[in-house]
């Protein structure tokens, strides 16, 4: 399968690199490869990407692209997010094809998690 014109990499701004890496490792099991003090590549997330230090944050309200993750169990995912210090921005709602909720990490970045179960 050709990679031509396929989404290949995603970069996410974070205000605090160390705590962001800890959050995503604890909640989702992602691993990281550090490239200096201001950048960490993401591995094990389903798509290649990285976290970079920035004072900006991403959210739907700001017109940003929304990173949407899949979960086999939304209740467990939500509990893990809250346990790691994340907050729920939009509670679970139904849409054609499943359910989802939106959450913010400790950097005010917005993400969504959906499930077809």
C-alpha atoms as a PDB file:
ATOM      1  CA  UNK A   1       0.000   0.000   0.000  1.00  0.00           C
ATOM      2  CA  UNK A   2       1.406   3.366  -1.002  1.00  0.00           C
ATOM      3  CA  UNK A   3       2.027   5.993   1.670  1.00  0.00           C
ATOM      4  CA  UNK A   4       1.702   8.760  -0.910  1.00  0.00           C
ATOM      5  CA  UNK A   5      -0.592  11.513   0.447  1.00  0.00           C
ATOM      6  CA  UNK A   6      -1.498   9.528   3.587  1.00  0.00           C
ATOM      7  CA  UNK A   7      -1.508  11.120   7.021  1.00  0.00           C
ATOM      8  CA  UNK A   8       1.868  10.057   8.324  1.00  0.00           C
ATOM      9  CA  UNK A   9       2.685  12.036  11.462  1.00  0.00           C
ATOM     10  CA  UNK A  10       0.941  14.268  13.964  1.00  0.00           C
ATOM     11  CA  UNK A  11       2.557  16.762  16.340  1.00  0.00           C
ATOM     12  CA  UNK A  12       0.877  17.984  19.510  1.00  0.00           C
ATOM     13  CA  UNK A  13       1.867  21.121  21.455  1.00  0.00           C
ATOM     14  CA  UNK A  14       2.350  20.657  25.207  1.00  0.00           C
ATOM     15  CA  UNK A  15       3.277  23.155  27.874  1.00  0.00           C
ATOM     16  CA  UNK A  16       5.090  20.599  30.050  1.00  0.00           C
ATOM     17  CA  UNK A  17       6.799  17.737  28.244  1.00  0.00           C
ATOM     18  CA  UNK A  18       7.600  15.489  31.216  1.00  0.00           C
ATOM     19  CA  UNK A  19       4.100  15.546  32.717  1.00  0.00           C
ATOM     20  CA  UNK A  20       2.523  15.113  29.269  1.00  0.00           C
ATOM     21  CA  UNK A  21       4.598  12.017  28.600  1.00  0.00           C
ATOM     22  CA  UNK A  22       3.652  10.651  32.035  1.00  0.00           C
ATOM     23  CA  UNK A  23      -0.069  11.302  31.373  1.00  0.00           C
ATOM     24  CA  UNK A  24      -0.144   9.543  28.005  1.00  0.00           C
ATOM     25  CA  UNK A  25       1.981   6.639  29.231  1.00  0.00           C
ATOM     26  CA  UNK A  26      -0.255   6.098  32.277  1.00  0.00           C
ATOM     27  CA  UNK A  27      -3.572   6.432  30.449  1.00  0.00           C
ATOM     28  CA  UNK A  28      -2.834   4.923  27.024  1.00  0.00           C
ATOM     29  CA  UNK A  29       0.473   3.088  27.391  1.00  0.00           C
ATOM     30  CA  UNK A  30       2.245   5.254  24.817  1.00  0.00           C
ATOM     31  CA  UNK A  31       6.038   5.232  24.754  1.00  0.00           C
ATOM     32  CA  UNK A  32       8.344   8.109  23.846  1.00  0.00           C
ATOM     33  CA  UNK A  33      11.756   8.747  22.341  1.00  0.00           C
ATOM     34  CA  UNK A  34      13.285  12.029  23.503  1.00  0.00           C
ATOM     35  CA  UNK A  35      14.969  14.353  21.019  1.00  0.00           C
ATOM     36  CA  UNK A  36      16.338  17.053  23.272  1.00  0.00           C
ATOM     37  CA  UNK A  37      14.488  18.896  26.024  1.00  0.00           C
ATOM     38  CA  UNK A  38      11.643  20.200  23.841  1.00  0.00           C
ATOM     39  CA  UNK A  39      10.529  17.217  21.732  1.00  0.00           C
ATOM     40  CA  UNK A  40       9.522  13.591  22.232  1.00  0.00           C
ATOM     41  CA  UNK A  41       8.433  11.214  19.479  1.00  0.00           C
ATOM     42  CA  UNK A  42       5.343   9.108  20.244  1.00  0.00           C
ATOM     43  CA  UNK A  43       5.406   5.351  19.705  1.00  0.00           C
ATOM     44  CA  UNK A  44       2.624   2.834  20.196  1.00  0.00           C
ATOM     45  CA  UNK A  45      -0.226   5.273  19.529  1.00  0.00           C
ATOM     46  CA  UNK A  46      -1.482   3.891  16.204  1.00  0.00           C
ATOM     47  CA  UNK A  47       0.069   6.732  14.211  1.00  0.00           C
ATOM     48  CA  UNK A  48       3.533   8.206  14.450  1.00  0.00           C
ATOM     49  CA  UNK A  49       3.814  11.595  16.051  1.00  0.00           C
ATOM     50  CA  UNK A  50       5.433  13.765  18.638  1.00  0.00           C
ATOM     51  CA  UNK A  51       4.946  16.157  21.519  1.00  0.00           C
ATOM     52  CA  UNK A  52       6.675  19.531  21.354  1.00  0.00           C
ATOM     53  CA  UNK A  53       6.963  22.254  23.963  1.00  0.00           C
ATOM     54  CA  UNK A  54       4.715  25.245  23.241  1.00  0.00           C
ATOM     55  CA  UNK A  55       2.581  27.683  25.198  1.00  0.00           C
ATOM     56  CA  UNK A  56      -0.263  27.004  22.742  1.00  0.00           C
ATOM     57  CA  UNK A  57      -2.997  24.440  23.221  1.00  0.00           C
ATOM     58  CA  UNK A  58      -5.396  22.790  20.800  1.00  0.00           C
ATOM     59  CA  UNK A  59      -9.173  22.625  21.094  1.00  0.00           C
ATOM     60  CA  UNK A  60     -12.217  22.462  18.889  1.00  0.00           C
ATOM     61  CA  UNK A  61     -13.226  25.899  20.224  1.00  0.00           C
ATOM     62  CA  UNK A  62     -10.042  27.322  18.664  1.00  0.00           C
ATOM     63  CA  UNK A  63     -10.686  25.584  15.346  1.00  0.00           C
ATOM     64  CA  UNK A  64      -7.980  22.971  15.895  1.00  0.00           C
ATOM     65  CA  UNK A  65      -7.944  19.495  14.426  1.00  0.00           C
ATOM     66  CA  UNK A  66      -9.423  17.020  16.910  1.00  0.00           C
ATOM     67  CA  UNK A  67      -7.389  13.910  17.692  1.00  0.00           C
ATOM     68  CA  UNK A  68      -9.896  11.093  18.218  1.00  0.00           C
ATOM     69  CA  UNK A  69      -8.836   7.856  19.923  1.00  0.00           C
ATOM     70  CA  UNK A  70     -10.688   4.538  20.007  1.00  0.00           C
ATOM     71  CA  UNK A  71     -11.558   2.663  23.213  1.00  0.00           C
ATOM     72  CA  UNK A  72     -12.916  -0.807  23.884  1.00  0.00           C
ATOM     73  CA  UNK A  73     -14.365   0.527  27.165  1.00  0.00           C
ATOM     74  CA  UNK A  74     -15.259   4.215  27.502  1.00  0.00           C
ATOM     75  CA  UNK A  75     -15.977   3.960  31.233  1.00  0.00           C
ATOM     76  CA  UNK A  76     -12.498   2.558  31.968  1.00  0.00           C
ATOM     77  CA  UNK A  77     -10.869   5.090  29.638  1.00  0.00           C
ATOM     78  CA  UNK A  78     -12.633   7.971  31.349  1.00  0.00           C
ATOM     79  CA  UNK A  79     -11.627   6.692  34.790  1.00  0.00           C
ATOM     80  CA  UNK A  80      -7.985   6.385  33.670  1.00  0.00           C
ATOM     81  CA  UNK A  81      -8.003   9.920  32.249  1.00  0.00           C
ATOM     82  CA  UNK A  82      -9.431  11.395  35.436  1.00  0.00           C
ATOM     83  CA  UNK A  83      -7.056   9.334  37.602  1.00  0.00           C
ATOM     84  CA  UNK A  84      -4.101  10.740  35.639  1.00  0.00           C
ATOM     85  CA  UNK A  85      -5.273  14.349  36.116  1.00  0.00           C
ATOM     86  CA  UNK A  86      -7.231  14.851  32.893  1.00  0.00           C
ATOM     87  CA  UNK A  87     -10.663  16.488  32.839  1.00  0.00           C
ATOM     88  CA  UNK A  88     -13.821  15.672  30.930  1.00  0.00           C
ATOM     89  CA  UNK A  89     -14.782  18.558  28.645  1.00  0.00           C
ATOM     90  CA  UNK A  90     -17.856  17.020  26.987  1.00  0.00           C
ATOM     91  CA  UNK A  91     -19.552  14.068  28.733  1.00  0.00           C
ATOM     92  CA  UNK A  92     -20.272  10.862  26.828  1.00  0.00           C
ATOM     93  CA  UNK A  93     -22.860  11.296  24.099  1.00  0.00           C
ATOM     94  CA  UNK A  94     -24.304   9.094  21.384  1.00  0.00           C
ATOM     95  CA  UNK A  95     -23.731   9.647  17.674  1.00  0.00           C
ATOM     96  CA  UNK A  96     -24.432   7.470  14.635  1.00  0.00           C
ATOM     97  CA  UNK A  97     -22.021   4.554  15.028  1.00  0.00           C
ATOM     98  CA  UNK A  98     -21.254   4.778  18.730  1.00  0.00           C
ATOM     99  CA  UNK A  99     -20.546   6.932  21.763  1.00  0.00           C
ATOM    100  CA  UNK A 100     -17.778   9.374  22.614  1.00  0.00           C
ATOM    101  CA  UNK A 101     -16.596  11.976  25.078  1.00  0.00           C
ATOM    102  CA  UNK A 102     -14.055  14.792  24.930  1.00  0.00           C
ATOM    103  CA  UNK A 103     -11.318  15.334  27.494  1.00  0.00           C
ATOM    104  CA  UNK A 104      -8.443  17.685  28.192  1.00  0.00           C
ATOM    105  CA  UNK A 105      -4.970  16.723  29.307  1.00  0.00           C
ATOM    106  CA  UNK A 106      -2.977  18.853  31.746  1.00  0.00           C
ATOM    107  CA  UNK A 107      -2.040  21.220  28.895  1.00  0.00           C
ATOM    108  CA  UNK A 108      -5.608  22.290  28.046  1.00  0.00           C
ATOM    109  CA  UNK A 109      -5.427  20.221  24.836  1.00  0.00           C
ATOM    110  CA  UNK A 110      -8.735  18.682  23.775  1.00  0.00           C
ATOM    111  CA  UNK A 111      -9.074  15.105  22.550  1.00  0.00           C
ATOM    112  CA  UNK A 112     -11.972  12.729  22.033  1.00  0.00           C
ATOM    113  CA  UNK A 113     -12.424   9.012  22.650  1.00  0.00           C
ATOM    114  CA  UNK A 114     -15.092   6.975  20.914  1.00  0.00           C
ATOM    115  CA  UNK A 115     -16.364   3.412  20.995  1.00  0.00           C
ATOM    116  CA  UNK A 116     -18.765   1.440  18.859  1.00  0.00           C
ATOM    117  CA  UNK A 117     -19.752  -0.645  21.902  1.00  0.00           C
END
